[in-house]
């Protein structure tokens, strides 16, 4: 169910998007779940969000791209591989007319999960 213009869960968020984007969004969701199966899925900032001891990654659908938000560290750690995409401090824009780089996405997610787990261990000390 969509509440006003806000999706209540990721299934609804994806169903709410144009048909041509839905398959890519499902691919991205599957890649996230496979790379970090223990991540908690939800909606935050009106888009799909995944948490594992803090924010892990967000994504959003737009007219010409899929926004992928692995935080600044997730982008800087893979700067070279991401150089073919439009990026900013915490954002990668994947064009909707090209395949998603699922292996790279998986590597970024595993990096971010390790980073969050390391922060958790440090904060326990």
PDB file of N, CA and C in Angstrom:
ATOM      1  N   UNK A   1       0.843  -1.187   0.000  1.00  0.00           N
ATOM      2  CA  UNK A   1       0.000   0.000   0.000  1.00  0.00           C
ATOM      3  C   UNK A   1       0.882   1.241   0.000  1.00  0.00           C
ATOM      4  N   UNK A   2       0.503   2.220  -0.771  1.00  0.00           N
ATOM      5  CA  UNK A   2       1.211   3.482  -0.796  1.00  0.00           C
ATOM      6  C   UNK A   2       0.395   4.479   0.008  1.00  0.00           C
ATOM      7  N   UNK A   3       1.045   5.110   0.954  1.00  0.00           N
ATOM      8  CA  UNK A   3       0.381   6.067   1.834  1.00  0.00           C
ATOM      9  C   UNK A   3       0.678   7.463   1.294  1.00  0.00           C
ATOM     10  N   UNK A   4      -0.314   8.082   0.652  1.00  0.00           N
ATOM     11  CA  UNK A   4      -0.056   9.351  -0.013  1.00  0.00           C
ATOM     12  C   UNK A   4       0.938   9.091  -1.131  1.00  0.00           C
ATOM     13  N   UNK A   5       2.068   9.753  -1.101  1.00  0.00           N
ATOM     14  CA  UNK A   5       3.135   9.516  -2.073  1.00  0.00           C
ATOM     15  C   UNK A   5       4.277   8.730  -1.454  1.00  0.00           C
ATOM     16  N   UNK A   6       4.033   8.105  -0.309  1.00  0.00           N
ATOM     17  CA  UNK A   6       5.102   7.405   0.393  1.00  0.00           C
ATOM     18  C   UNK A   6       4.855   5.906   0.393  1.00  0.00           C
ATOM     19  N   UNK A   7       5.812   5.154  -0.090  1.00  0.00           N
ATOM     20  CA  UNK A   7       5.727   3.695  -0.025  1.00  0.00           C
ATOM     21  C   UNK A   7       5.966   3.270   1.408  1.00  0.00           C
ATOM     22  N   UNK A   8       5.269   2.252   1.836  1.00  0.00           N
ATOM     23  CA  UNK A   8       5.416   1.750   3.197  1.00  0.00           C
ATOM     24  C   UNK A   8       6.524   0.717   3.290  1.00  0.00           C
ATOM     25  N   UNK A   9       6.757  -0.037   2.218  1.00  0.00           N
ATOM     26  CA  UNK A   9       7.853  -1.007   2.218  1.00  0.00           C
ATOM     27  C   UNK A   9       8.488  -1.055   0.819  1.00  0.00           C
ATOM     28  N   UNK A  10       9.548  -1.829   0.698  1.00  0.00           N
ATOM     29  CA  UNK A  10      10.314  -1.854  -0.554  1.00  0.00           C
ATOM     30  C   UNK A  10       9.497  -2.459  -1.696  1.00  0.00           C
ATOM     31  N   UNK A  11       8.704  -3.471  -1.419  1.00  0.00           N
ATOM     32  CA  UNK A  11       7.849  -4.029  -2.473  1.00  0.00           C
ATOM     33  C   UNK A  11       6.954  -2.953  -3.069  1.00  0.00           C
ATOM     34  N   UNK A  12       6.358  -2.150  -2.207  1.00  0.00           N
ATOM     35  CA  UNK A  12       5.475  -1.091  -2.672  1.00  0.00           C
ATOM     36  C   UNK A  12       6.256  -0.002  -3.399  1.00  0.00           C
ATOM     37  N   UNK A  13       7.431   0.320  -2.905  1.00  0.00           N
ATOM     38  CA  UNK A  13       8.267   1.317  -3.576  1.00  0.00           C
ATOM     39  C   UNK A  13       8.538   0.888  -5.015  1.00  0.00           C
ATOM     40  N   UNK A  14       8.928  -0.364  -5.185  1.00  0.00           N
ATOM     41  CA  UNK A  14       9.237  -0.869  -6.530  1.00  0.00           C
ATOM     42  C   UNK A  14       7.980  -0.896  -7.396  1.00  0.00           C
ATOM     43  N   UNK A  15       6.865  -1.368  -6.842  1.00  0.00           N
ATOM     44  CA  UNK A  15       5.617  -1.443  -7.606  1.00  0.00           C
ATOM     45  C   UNK A  15       5.128  -0.069  -8.026  1.00  0.00           C
ATOM     46  N   UNK A  16       5.484   0.938  -7.282  1.00  0.00           N
ATOM     47  CA  UNK A  16       5.062   2.313  -7.542  1.00  0.00           C
ATOM     48  C   UNK A  16       5.836   2.950  -8.701  1.00  0.00           C
ATOM     49  N   UNK A  17       6.956   2.357  -9.085  1.00  0.00           N
ATOM     50  CA  UNK A  17       7.830   2.924 -10.121  1.00  0.00           C
ATOM     51  C   UNK A  17       7.349   2.513 -11.513  1.00  0.00           C
ATOM     52  N   UNK A  18       7.792   3.242 -12.538  1.00  0.00           N
ATOM     53  CA  UNK A  18       7.435   2.869 -13.911  1.00  0.00           C
ATOM     54  C   UNK A  18       7.874   1.425 -14.215  1.00  0.00           C
ATOM     55  N   UNK A  19       7.077   0.748 -15.006  1.00  0.00           N
ATOM     56  CA  UNK A  19       7.318  -0.665 -15.308  1.00  0.00           C
ATOM     57  C   UNK A  19       8.730  -0.921 -15.816  1.00  0.00           C
ATOM     58  N   UNK A  20       9.267  -0.019 -16.634  1.00  0.00           N
ATOM     59  CA  UNK A  20      10.598  -0.232 -17.205  1.00  0.00           C
ATOM     60  C   UNK A  20      11.711  -0.175 -16.154  1.00  0.00           C
ATOM     61  N   UNK A  21      11.446   0.393 -14.997  1.00  0.00           N
ATOM     62  CA  UNK A  21      12.456   0.451 -13.931  1.00  0.00           C
ATOM     63  C   UNK A  21      12.328  -0.684 -12.924  1.00  0.00           C
ATOM     64  N   UNK A  22      11.176  -1.278 -12.837  1.00  0.00           N
ATOM     65  CA  UNK A  22      10.924  -2.264 -11.794  1.00  0.00           C
ATOM     66  C   UNK A  22      11.895  -3.449 -11.821  1.00  0.00           C
ATOM     67  N   UNK A  23      12.203  -3.971 -12.995  1.00  0.00           N
ATOM     68  CA  UNK A  23      13.112  -5.122 -13.091  1.00  0.00           C
ATOM     69  C   UNK A  23      14.501  -4.753 -12.563  1.00  0.00           C
ATOM     70  N   UNK A  24      14.989  -3.576 -12.923  1.00  0.00           N
ATOM     71  CA  UNK A  24      16.315  -3.146 -12.440  1.00  0.00           C
ATOM     72  C   UNK A  24      16.310  -2.953 -10.929  1.00  0.00           C
ATOM     73  N   UNK A  25      15.235  -2.395 -10.404  1.00  0.00           N
ATOM     74  CA  UNK A  25      15.148  -2.195  -8.954  1.00  0.00           C
ATOM     75  C   UNK A  25      15.092  -3.527  -8.221  1.00  0.00           C
ATOM     76  N   UNK A  26      14.402  -4.499  -8.796  1.00  0.00           N
ATOM     77  CA  UNK A  26      14.379  -5.845  -8.183  1.00  0.00           C
ATOM     78  C   UNK A  26      15.774  -6.484  -8.246  1.00  0.00           C
ATOM     79  N   UNK A  27      16.495  -6.275  -9.357  1.00  0.00           N
ATOM     80  CA  UNK A  27      17.878  -6.776  -9.463  1.00  0.00           C
ATOM     81  C   UNK A  27      18.754  -6.161  -8.377  1.00  0.00           C
ATOM     82  N   UNK A  28      18.630  -4.871  -8.206  1.00  0.00           N
ATOM     83  CA  UNK A  28      19.436  -4.171  -7.205  1.00  0.00           C
ATOM     84  C   UNK A  28      19.098  -4.669  -5.806  1.00  0.00           C
ATOM     85  N   UNK A  29      17.824  -4.807  -5.523  1.00  0.00           N
ATOM     86  CA  UNK A  29      17.397  -5.315  -4.213  1.00  0.00           C
ATOM     87  C   UNK A  29      17.961  -6.713  -3.974  1.00  0.00           C
ATOM     88  N   UNK A  30      17.885  -7.579  -4.972  1.00  0.00           N
ATOM     89  CA  UNK A  30      18.406  -8.939  -4.851  1.00  0.00           C
ATOM     90  C   UNK A  30      19.912  -8.918  -4.603  1.00  0.00           C
ATOM     91  N   UNK A  31      20.637  -8.059  -5.309  1.00  0.00           N
ATOM     92  CA  UNK A  31      22.089  -7.946  -5.123  1.00  0.00           C
ATOM     93  C   UNK A  31      22.415  -7.522  -3.690  1.00  0.00           C
ATOM     94  N   UNK A  32      21.646  -6.599  -3.157  1.00  0.00           N
ATOM     95  CA  UNK A  32      21.872  -6.143  -1.778  1.00  0.00           C
ATOM     96  C   UNK A  32      21.631  -7.284  -0.803  1.00  0.00           C
ATOM     97  N   UNK A  33      20.510  -7.980  -0.970  1.00  0.00           N
ATOM     98  CA  UNK A  33      20.172  -9.082  -0.061  1.00  0.00           C
ATOM     99  C   UNK A  33      21.177 -10.228  -0.150  1.00  0.00           C
ATOM    100  N   UNK A  34      21.717 -10.481  -1.342  1.00  0.00           N
ATOM    101  CA  UNK A  34      22.704 -11.550  -1.491  1.00  0.00           C
ATOM    102  C   UNK A  34      24.050 -11.143  -0.895  1.00  0.00           C
ATOM    103  N   UNK A  35      24.446  -9.897  -1.072  1.00  0.00           N
ATOM    104  CA  UNK A  35      25.745  -9.447  -0.573  1.00  0.00           C
ATOM    105  C   UNK A  35      25.751  -9.317   0.945  1.00  0.00           C
ATOM    106  N   UNK A  36      24.646  -8.851   1.511  1.00  0.00           N
ATOM    107  CA  UNK A  36      24.560  -8.622   2.961  1.00  0.00           C
ATOM    108  C   UNK A  36      23.195  -9.127   3.443  1.00  0.00           C
ATOM    109  N   UNK A  37      23.035 -10.456   3.533  1.00  0.00           N
ATOM    110  CA  UNK A  37      21.723 -11.013   3.874  1.00  0.00           C
ATOM    111  C   UNK A  37      21.204 -10.600   5.253  1.00  0.00           C
ATOM    112  N   UNK A  38      22.088 -10.242   6.157  1.00  0.00           N
ATOM    113  CA  UNK A  38      21.664  -9.868   7.500  1.00  0.00           C
ATOM    114  C   UNK A  38      21.219  -8.406   7.609  1.00  0.00           C
ATOM    115  N   UNK A  39      21.319  -7.646   6.528  1.00  0.00           N
ATOM    116  CA  UNK A  39      20.908  -6.235   6.546  1.00  0.00           C
ATOM    117  C   UNK A  39      19.394  -6.127   6.731  1.00  0.00           C
ATOM    118  N   UNK A  40      18.982  -5.130   7.501  1.00  0.00           N
ATOM    119  CA  UNK A  40      17.563  -4.852   7.713  1.00  0.00           C
ATOM    120  C   UNK A  40      17.069  -3.943   6.606  1.00  0.00           C
ATOM    121  N   UNK A  41      15.947  -4.332   6.015  1.00  0.00           N
ATOM    122  CA  UNK A  41      15.376  -3.584   4.904  1.00  0.00           C
ATOM    123  C   UNK A  41      14.228  -2.715   5.405  1.00  0.00           C
ATOM    124  N   UNK A  42      14.137  -1.505   4.871  1.00  0.00           N
ATOM    125  CA  UNK A  42      13.035  -0.625   5.225  1.00  0.00           C
ATOM    126  C   UNK A  42      12.971   0.552   4.272  1.00  0.00           C
ATOM    127  N   UNK A  43      12.178   1.522   4.645  1.00  0.00           N
ATOM    128  CA  UNK A  43      12.062   2.766   3.895  1.00  0.00           C
ATOM    129  C   UNK A  43      12.565   3.888   4.794  1.00  0.00           C
ATOM    130  N   UNK A  44      13.449   4.705   4.267  1.00  0.00           N
ATOM    131  CA  UNK A  44      13.965   5.859   4.988  1.00  0.00           C
ATOM    132  C   UNK A  44      14.239   6.950   3.948  1.00  0.00           C
ATOM    133  N   UNK A  45      13.992   8.181   4.303  1.00  0.00           N
ATOM    134  CA  UNK A  45      14.128   9.287   3.345  1.00  0.00           C
ATOM    135  C   UNK A  45      13.305   9.014   2.087  1.00  0.00           C
ATOM    136  N   UNK A  46      12.180   8.325   2.259  1.00  0.00           N
ATOM    137  CA  UNK A  46      11.233   8.014   1.173  1.00  0.00           C
ATOM    138  C   UNK A  46      11.824   7.107   0.102  1.00  0.00           C
ATOM    139  N   UNK A  47      12.815   6.290   0.465  1.00  0.00           N
ATOM    140  CA  UNK A  47      13.407   5.353  -0.500  1.00  0.00           C
ATOM    141  C   UNK A  47      13.847   4.082   0.230  1.00  0.00           C
ATOM    142  N   UNK A  48      14.098   2.991  -0.494  1.00  0.00           N
ATOM    143  CA  UNK A  48      14.588   1.775   0.138  1.00  0.00           C
ATOM    144  C   UNK A  48      15.906   2.033   0.868  1.00  0.00           C
ATOM    145  N   UNK A  49      15.973   1.471   2.072  1.00  0.00           N
ATOM    146  CA  UNK A  49      17.147   1.663   2.921  1.00  0.00           C
ATOM    147  C   UNK A  49      17.530   0.326   3.546  1.00  0.00           C
ATOM    148  N   UNK A  50      18.821   0.130   3.702  1.00  0.00           N
ATOM    149  CA  UNK A  50      19.341  -1.099   4.309  1.00  0.00           C
ATOM    150  C   UNK A  50      20.294  -0.694   5.414  1.00  0.00           C
ATOM    151  N   UNK A  51      20.098  -1.345   6.568  1.00  0.00           N
ATOM    152  CA  UNK A  51      20.909  -1.013   7.740  1.00  0.00           C
ATOM    153  C   UNK A  51      21.574  -2.266   8.283  1.00  0.00           C
ATOM    154  N   UNK A  52      22.764  -2.081   8.758  1.00  0.00           N
ATOM    155  CA  UNK A  52      23.508  -3.128   9.457  1.00  0.00           C
ATOM    156  C   UNK A  52      24.417  -2.385  10.425  1.00  0.00           C
ATOM    157  N   UNK A  53      23.996  -2.307  11.668  1.00  0.00           N
ATOM    158  CA  UNK A  53      24.731  -1.520  12.667  1.00  0.00           C
ATOM    159  C   UNK A  53      24.932  -0.090  12.166  1.00  0.00           C
ATOM    160  N   UNK A  54      23.863   0.477  11.659  1.00  0.00           N
ATOM    161  CA  UNK A  54      23.886   1.812  11.087  1.00  0.00           C
ATOM    162  C   UNK A  54      23.534   1.749   9.611  1.00  0.00           C
ATOM    163  N   UNK A  55      23.452   2.906   8.992  1.00  0.00           N
ATOM    164  CA  UNK A  55      23.101   2.986   7.567  1.00  0.00           C
ATOM    165  C   UNK A  55      24.121   2.230   6.727  1.00  0.00           C
ATOM    166  N   UNK A  56      23.627   1.439   5.805  1.00  0.00           N
ATOM    167  CA  UNK A  56      24.490   0.666   4.908  1.00  0.00           C
ATOM    168  C   UNK A  56      24.404   1.243   3.491  1.00  0.00           C
ATOM    169  N   UNK A  57      23.191   1.302   2.954  1.00  0.00           N
ATOM    170  CA  UNK A  57      22.981   1.803   1.592  1.00  0.00           C
ATOM    171  C   UNK A  57      21.507   2.153   1.403  1.00  0.00           C
ATOM    172  N   UNK A  58      21.264   3.085   0.504  1.00  0.00           N
ATOM    173  CA  UNK A  58      19.923   3.469   0.068  1.00  0.00           C
ATOM    174  C   UNK A  58      19.917   3.416  -1.455  1.00  0.00           C
ATOM    175  N   UNK A  59      18.724   3.317  -2.035  1.00  0.00           N
ATOM    176  CA  UNK A  59      18.632   3.503  -3.482  1.00  0.00           C
ATOM    177  C   UNK A  59      17.308   4.165  -3.831  1.00  0.00           C
ATOM    178  N   UNK A  60      17.283   4.794  -4.998  1.00  0.00           N
ATOM    179  CA  UNK A  60      16.080   5.477  -5.439  1.00  0.00           C
ATOM    180  C   UNK A  60      15.970   5.486  -6.950  1.00  0.00           C
ATOM    181  N   UNK A  61      14.728   5.494  -7.419  1.00  0.00           N
ATOM    182  CA  UNK A  61      14.457   5.508  -8.860  1.00  0.00           C
ATOM    183  C   UNK A  61      14.163   6.927  -9.313  1.00  0.00           C
ATOM    184  N   UNK A  62      14.749   7.290 -10.426  1.00  0.00           N
ATOM    185  CA  UNK A  62      14.555   8.608 -11.014  1.00  0.00           C
ATOM    186  C   UNK A  62      14.292   8.445 -12.502  1.00  0.00           C
ATOM    187  N   UNK A  63      13.965   9.525 -13.170  1.00  0.00           N
ATOM    188  CA  UNK A  63      13.587   9.465 -14.577  1.00  0.00           C
ATOM    189  C   UNK A  63      14.674   8.854 -15.459  1.00  0.00           C
ATOM    190  N   UNK A  64      15.943   9.253 -15.261  1.00  0.00           N
ATOM    191  CA  UNK A  64      17.025   8.815 -16.139  1.00  0.00           C
ATOM    192  C   UNK A  64      18.087   7.964 -15.463  1.00  0.00           C
ATOM    193  N   UNK A  65      17.944   7.739 -14.179  1.00  0.00           N
ATOM    194  CA  UNK A  65      18.967   6.956 -13.477  1.00  0.00           C
ATOM    195  C   UNK A  65      18.394   6.304 -12.221  1.00  0.00           C
ATOM    196  N   UNK A  66      19.194   5.392 -11.689  1.00  0.00           N
ATOM    197  CA  UNK A  66      18.927   4.820 -10.365  1.00  0.00           C
ATOM    198  C   UNK A  66      19.991   5.383  -9.452  1.00  0.00           C
ATOM    199  N   UNK A  67      19.556   6.056  -8.414  1.00  0.00           N
ATOM    200  CA  UNK A  67      20.485   6.606  -7.438  1.00  0.00           C
ATOM    201  C   UNK A  67      20.876   5.518  -6.453  1.00  0.00           C
ATOM    202  N   UNK A  68      22.147   5.405  -6.198  1.00  0.00           N
ATOM    203  CA  UNK A  68      22.703   4.393  -5.286  1.00  0.00           C
ATOM    204  C   UNK A  68      23.535   5.168  -4.280  1.00  0.00           C
ATOM    205  N   UNK A  69      23.228   4.995  -2.997  1.00  0.00           N
ATOM    206  CA  UNK A  69      23.813   5.827  -1.946  1.00  0.00           C
ATOM    207  C   UNK A  69      24.541   4.975  -0.902  1.00  0.00           C
ATOM    208  N   UNK A  70      25.795   4.588  -1.178  1.00  0.00           N
ATOM    209  CA  UNK A  70      26.552   3.754  -0.245  1.00  0.00           C
ATOM    210  C   UNK A  70      27.412   4.568   0.734  1.00  0.00           C
ATOM    211  N   UNK A  71      27.091   5.803   0.940  1.00  0.00           N
ATOM    212  CA  UNK A  71      27.832   6.776   1.751  1.00  0.00           C
ATOM    213  C   UNK A  71      29.135   7.166   1.047  1.00  0.00           C
ATOM    214  N   UNK A  72      29.748   8.208   1.535  1.00  0.00           N
ATOM    215  CA  UNK A  72      30.977   8.707   0.925  1.00  0.00           C
ATOM    216  C   UNK A  72      32.099   7.697   0.916  1.00  0.00           C
ATOM    217  N   UNK A  73      32.222   6.939   1.993  1.00  0.00           N
ATOM    218  CA  UNK A  73      33.317   5.957   2.058  1.00  0.00           C
ATOM    219  C   UNK A  73      33.137   4.845   1.035  1.00  0.00           C
ATOM    220  N   UNK A  74      31.897   4.452   0.783  1.00  0.00           N
ATOM    221  CA  UNK A  74      31.623   3.423  -0.215  1.00  0.00           C
ATOM    222  C   UNK A  74      31.980   3.871  -1.616  1.00  0.00           C
ATOM    223  N   UNK A  75      31.903   5.164  -1.844  1.00  0.00           N
ATOM    224  CA  UNK A  75      32.265   5.707  -3.153  1.00  0.00           C
ATOM    225  C   UNK A  75      33.769   5.918  -3.255  1.00  0.00           C
ATOM    226  N   UNK A  76      34.357   6.500  -2.228  1.00  0.00           N
ATOM    227  CA  UNK A  76      35.801   6.778  -2.306  1.00  0.00           C
ATOM    228  C   UNK A  76      36.625   5.499  -2.379  1.00  0.00           C
ATOM    229  N   UNK A  77      36.179   4.427  -1.736  1.00  0.00           N
ATOM    230  CA  UNK A  77      36.915   3.163  -1.764  1.00  0.00           C
ATOM    231  C   UNK A  77      36.900   2.500  -3.145  1.00  0.00           C
ATOM    232  N   UNK A  78      35.926   2.864  -3.969  1.00  0.00           N
ATOM    233  CA  UNK A  78      35.790   2.262  -5.300  1.00  0.00           C
ATOM    234  C   UNK A  78      35.809   3.341  -6.388  1.00  0.00           C
ATOM    235  N   UNK A  79      36.505   4.415  -6.099  1.00  0.00           N
ATOM    236  CA  UNK A  79      36.526   5.579  -6.985  1.00  0.00           C
ATOM    237  C   UNK A  79      36.910   5.218  -8.420  1.00  0.00           C
ATOM    238  N   UNK A  80      37.935   4.400  -8.573  1.00  0.00           N
ATOM    239  CA  UNK A  80      38.399   4.044  -9.914  1.00  0.00           C
ATOM    240  C   UNK A  80      37.320   3.284 -10.694  1.00  0.00           C
ATOM    241  N   UNK A  81      36.732   2.261 -10.055  1.00  0.00           N
ATOM    242  CA  UNK A  81      35.711   1.455 -10.731  1.00  0.00           C
ATOM    243  C   UNK A  81      34.453   2.264 -11.036  1.00  0.00           C
ATOM    244  N   UNK A  82      34.159   3.242 -10.176  1.00  0.00           N
ATOM    245  CA  UNK A  82      32.958   4.059 -10.347  1.00  0.00           C
ATOM    246  C   UNK A  82      33.175   5.248 -11.281  1.00  0.00           C
ATOM    247  N   UNK A  83      34.395   5.417 -11.776  1.00  0.00           N
ATOM    248  CA  UNK A  83      34.705   6.594 -12.594  1.00  0.00           C
ATOM    249  C   UNK A  83      33.894   6.661 -13.891  1.00  0.00           C
ATOM    250  N   UNK A  84      33.329   5.557 -14.327  1.00  0.00           N
ATOM    251  CA  UNK A  84      32.524   5.558 -15.553  1.00  0.00           C
ATOM    252  C   UNK A  84      31.090   6.030 -15.296  1.00  0.00           C
ATOM    253  N   UNK A  85      30.759   6.263 -14.030  1.00  0.00           N
ATOM    254  CA  UNK A  85      29.423   6.717 -13.655  1.00  0.00           C
ATOM    255  C   UNK A  85      29.493   8.127 -13.087  1.00  0.00           C
ATOM    256  N   UNK A  86      28.385   8.808 -13.139  1.00  0.00           N
ATOM    257  CA  UNK A  86      28.298  10.115 -12.501  1.00  0.00           C
ATOM    258  C   UNK A  86      28.209   9.883 -10.994  1.00  0.00           C
ATOM    259  N   UNK A  87      29.098  10.525 -10.255  1.00  0.00           N
ATOM    260  CA  UNK A  87      29.114  10.377  -8.800  1.00  0.00           C
ATOM    261  C   UNK A  87      29.201  11.748  -8.141  1.00  0.00           C
ATOM    262  N   UNK A  88      28.864  11.763  -6.873  1.00  0.00           N
ATOM    263  CA  UNK A  88      29.114  12.916  -6.014  1.00  0.00           C
ATOM    264  C   UNK A  88      29.524  12.341  -4.662  1.00  0.00           C
ATOM    265  N   UNK A  89      29.595  13.150  -3.656  1.00  0.00           N
ATOM    266  CA  UNK A  89      30.141  12.721  -2.362  1.00  0.00           C
ATOM    267  C   UNK A  89      29.560  11.386  -1.858  1.00  0.00           C
ATOM    268  N   UNK A  90      28.259  11.221  -1.905  1.00  0.00           N
ATOM    269  CA  UNK A  90      27.652   9.994  -1.393  1.00  0.00           C
ATOM    270  C   UNK A  90      26.732   9.302  -2.368  1.00  0.00           C
ATOM    271  N   UNK A  91      26.813   9.670  -3.644  1.00  0.00           N
ATOM    272  CA  UNK A  91      25.853   9.206  -4.643  1.00  0.00           C
ATOM    273  C   UNK A  91      26.534   8.647  -5.883  1.00  0.00           C
ATOM    274  N   UNK A  92      25.954   7.564  -6.399  1.00  0.00           N
ATOM    275  CA  UNK A  92      26.311   7.048  -7.714  1.00  0.00           C
ATOM    276  C   UNK A  92      25.020   7.052  -8.527  1.00  0.00           C
ATOM    277  N   UNK A  93      25.102   7.485  -9.759  1.00  0.00           N
ATOM    278  CA  UNK A  93      23.932   7.480 -10.638  1.00  0.00           C
ATOM    279  C   UNK A  93      24.160   6.443 -11.743  1.00  0.00           C
ATOM    280  N   UNK A  94      23.366   5.373 -11.675  1.00  0.00           N
ATOM    281  CA  UNK A  94      23.443   4.339 -12.696  1.00  0.00           C
ATOM    282  C   UNK A  94      22.403   4.659 -13.775  1.00  0.00           C
ATOM    283  N   UNK A  95      22.835   4.860 -15.029  1.00  0.00           N
ATOM    284  CA  UNK A  95      21.879   5.168 -16.107  1.00  0.00           C
ATOM    285  C   UNK A  95      20.888   4.017 -16.290  1.00  0.00           C
ATOM    286  N   UNK A  96      19.647   4.359 -16.526  1.00  0.00           N
ATOM    287  CA  UNK A  96      18.637   3.304 -16.659  1.00  0.00           C
ATOM    288  C   UNK A  96      18.738   2.549 -17.978  1.00  0.00           C
ATOM    289  N   UNK A  97      19.465   3.102 -18.942  1.00  0.00           N
ATOM    290  CA  UNK A  97      19.582   2.437 -20.237  1.00  0.00           C
ATOM    291  C   UNK A  97      20.808   1.528 -20.345  1.00  0.00           C
ATOM    292  N   UNK A  98      21.471   1.290 -19.217  1.00  0.00           N
ATOM    293  CA  UNK A  98      22.635   0.403 -19.194  1.00  0.00           C
ATOM    294  C   UNK A  98      22.456  -0.638 -18.082  1.00  0.00           C
ATOM    295  N   UNK A  99      23.086  -1.806 -18.220  1.00  0.00           N
ATOM    296  CA  UNK A  99      22.981  -2.821 -17.165  1.00  0.00           C
ATOM    297  C   UNK A  99      23.592  -2.320 -15.853  1.00  0.00           C
ATOM    298  N   UNK A 100      23.016  -2.767 -14.746  1.00  0.00           N
ATOM    299  CA  UNK A 100      23.586  -2.445 -13.443  1.00  0.00           C
ATOM    300  C   UNK A 100      24.893  -3.223 -13.257  1.00  0.00           C
ATOM    301  N   UNK A 101      25.913  -2.614 -12.679  1.00  0.00           N
ATOM    302  CA  UNK A 101      27.173  -3.325 -12.417  1.00  0.00           C
ATOM    303  C   UNK A 101      27.050  -4.151 -11.129  1.00  0.00           C
ATOM    304  N   UNK A 102      26.354  -5.270 -11.217  1.00  0.00           N
ATOM    305  CA  UNK A 102      25.981  -6.031 -10.024  1.00  0.00           C
ATOM    306  C   UNK A 102      27.179  -6.555  -9.224  1.00  0.00           C
ATOM    307  N   UNK A 103      28.245  -6.959  -9.897  1.00  0.00           N
ATOM    308  CA  UNK A 103      29.440  -7.423  -9.160  1.00  0.00           C
ATOM    309  C   UNK A 103      30.072  -6.278  -8.373  1.00  0.00           C
ATOM    310  N   UNK A 104      30.158  -5.120  -8.987  1.00  0.00           N
ATOM    311  CA  UNK A 104      30.708  -3.953  -8.306  1.00  0.00           C
ATOM    312  C   UNK A 104      29.801  -3.548  -7.142  1.00  0.00           C
ATOM    313  N   UNK A 105      28.512  -3.556  -7.355  1.00  0.00           N
ATOM    314  CA  UNK A 105      27.564  -3.232  -6.288  1.00  0.00           C
ATOM    315  C   UNK A 105      27.760  -4.179  -5.117  1.00  0.00           C
ATOM    316  N   UNK A 106      27.901  -5.453  -5.395  1.00  0.00           N
ATOM    317  CA  UNK A 106      28.120  -6.449  -4.350  1.00  0.00           C
ATOM    318  C   UNK A 106      29.404  -6.162  -3.569  1.00  0.00           C
ATOM    319  N   UNK A 107      30.471  -5.834  -4.269  1.00  0.00           N
ATOM    320  CA  UNK A 107      31.747  -5.526  -3.604  1.00  0.00           C
ATOM    321  C   UNK A 107      31.614  -4.288  -2.710  1.00  0.00           C
ATOM    322  N   UNK A 108      30.916  -3.280  -3.205  1.00  0.00           N
ATOM    323  CA  UNK A 108      30.713  -2.071  -2.408  1.00  0.00           C
ATOM    324  C   UNK A 108      29.917  -2.395  -1.150  1.00  0.00           C
ATOM    325  N   UNK A 109      28.888  -3.200  -1.291  1.00  0.00           N
ATOM    326  CA  UNK A 109      28.049  -3.553  -0.142  1.00  0.00           C
ATOM    327  C   UNK A 109      28.827  -4.359   0.901  1.00  0.00           C
ATOM    328  N   UNK A 110      29.633  -5.293   0.447  1.00  0.00           N
ATOM    329  CA  UNK A 110      30.434  -6.077   1.388  1.00  0.00           C
ATOM    330  C   UNK A 110      31.450  -5.189   2.099  1.00  0.00           C
ATOM    331  N   UNK A 111      32.015  -4.248   1.388  1.00  0.00           N
ATOM    332  CA  UNK A 111      32.936  -3.278   1.991  1.00  0.00           C
ATOM    333  C   UNK A 111      32.212  -2.459   3.062  1.00  0.00           C
ATOM    334  N   UNK A 112      31.023  -1.948   2.714  1.00  0.00           N
ATOM    335  CA  UNK A 112      30.263  -1.130   3.661  1.00  0.00           C
ATOM    336  C   UNK A 112      29.853  -1.946   4.891  1.00  0.00           C
ATOM    337  N   UNK A 113      29.492  -3.206   4.703  1.00  0.00           N
ATOM    338  CA  UNK A 113      29.114  -4.051   5.837  1.00  0.00           C
ATOM    339  C   UNK A 113      30.303  -4.247   6.769  1.00  0.00           C
ATOM    340  N   UNK A 114      31.476  -4.537   6.215  1.00  0.00           N
ATOM    341  CA  UNK A 114      32.688  -4.687   7.040  1.00  0.00           C
ATOM    342  C   UNK A 114      32.995  -3.395   7.774  1.00  0.00           C
ATOM    343  N   UNK A 115      32.837  -2.292   7.084  1.00  0.00           N
ATOM    344  CA  UNK A 115      33.091  -0.981   7.693  1.00  0.00           C
ATOM    345  C   UNK A 115      32.153  -0.742   8.884  1.00  0.00           C
ATOM    346  N   UNK A 116      30.872  -1.033   8.731  1.00  0.00           N
ATOM    347  CA  UNK A 116      29.916  -0.841   9.821  1.00  0.00           C
ATOM    348  C   UNK A 116      30.184  -1.796  10.981  1.00  0.00           C
ATOM    349  N   UNK A 117      30.557  -3.030  10.667  1.00  0.00           N
ATOM    350  CA  UNK A 117      30.866  -3.992  11.728  1.00  0.00           C
ATOM    351  C   UNK A 117      32.106  -3.564  12.507  1.00  0.00           C
ATOM    352  N   UNK A 118      33.084  -3.032  11.804  1.00  0.00           N
ATOM    353  CA  UNK A 118      34.306  -2.540  12.456  1.00  0.00           C
ATOM    354  C   UNK A 118      33.974  -1.369  13.390  1.00  0.00           C
ATOM    355  N   UNK A 119      33.122  -0.460  12.930  1.00  0.00           N
ATOM    356  CA  UNK A 119      32.698   0.675  13.765  1.00  0.00           C
ATOM    357  C   UNK A 119      31.969   0.179  15.008  1.00  0.00           C
ATOM    358  N   UNK A 120      31.150  -0.847  14.846  1.00  0.00           N
ATOM    359  CA  UNK A 120      30.406  -1.397  15.984  1.00  0.00           C
ATOM    360  C   UNK A 120      31.373  -1.958  17.017  1.00  0.00           C
ATOM    361  N   UNK A 121      32.389  -2.703  16.561  1.00  0.00           N
ATOM    362  CA  UNK A 121      33.363  -3.283  17.486  1.00  0.00           C
ATOM    363  C   UNK A 121      34.138  -2.197  18.222  1.00  0.00           C
ATOM    364  N   UNK A 122      34.497  -1.140  17.518  1.00  0.00           N
ATOM    365  CA  UNK A 122      35.226  -0.029  18.148  1.00  0.00           C
ATOM    366  C   UNK A 122      34.345   0.658  19.178  1.00  0.00           C
ATOM    367  N   UNK A 123      33.072   0.846  18.883  1.00  0.00           N
ATOM    368  CA  UNK A 123      32.192   1.554  19.815  1.00  0.00           C
ATOM    369  C   UNK A 123      31.901   0.730  21.068  1.00  0.00           C
ATOM    370  N   UNK A 124      32.066  -0.596  21.011  1.00  0.00           N
ATOM    371  CA  UNK A 124      31.857  -1.444  22.185  1.00  0.00           C
ATOM    372  C   UNK A 124      32.997  -1.346  23.182  1.00  0.00           C
ATOM    373  N   UNK A 125      34.173  -0.924  22.696  1.00  0.00           N
ATOM    374  CA  UNK A 125      35.346  -0.857  23.568  1.00  0.00           C
ATOM    375  C   UNK A 125      35.298   0.278  24.526  1.00  0.00           C
TER     376      UNK A 125
END
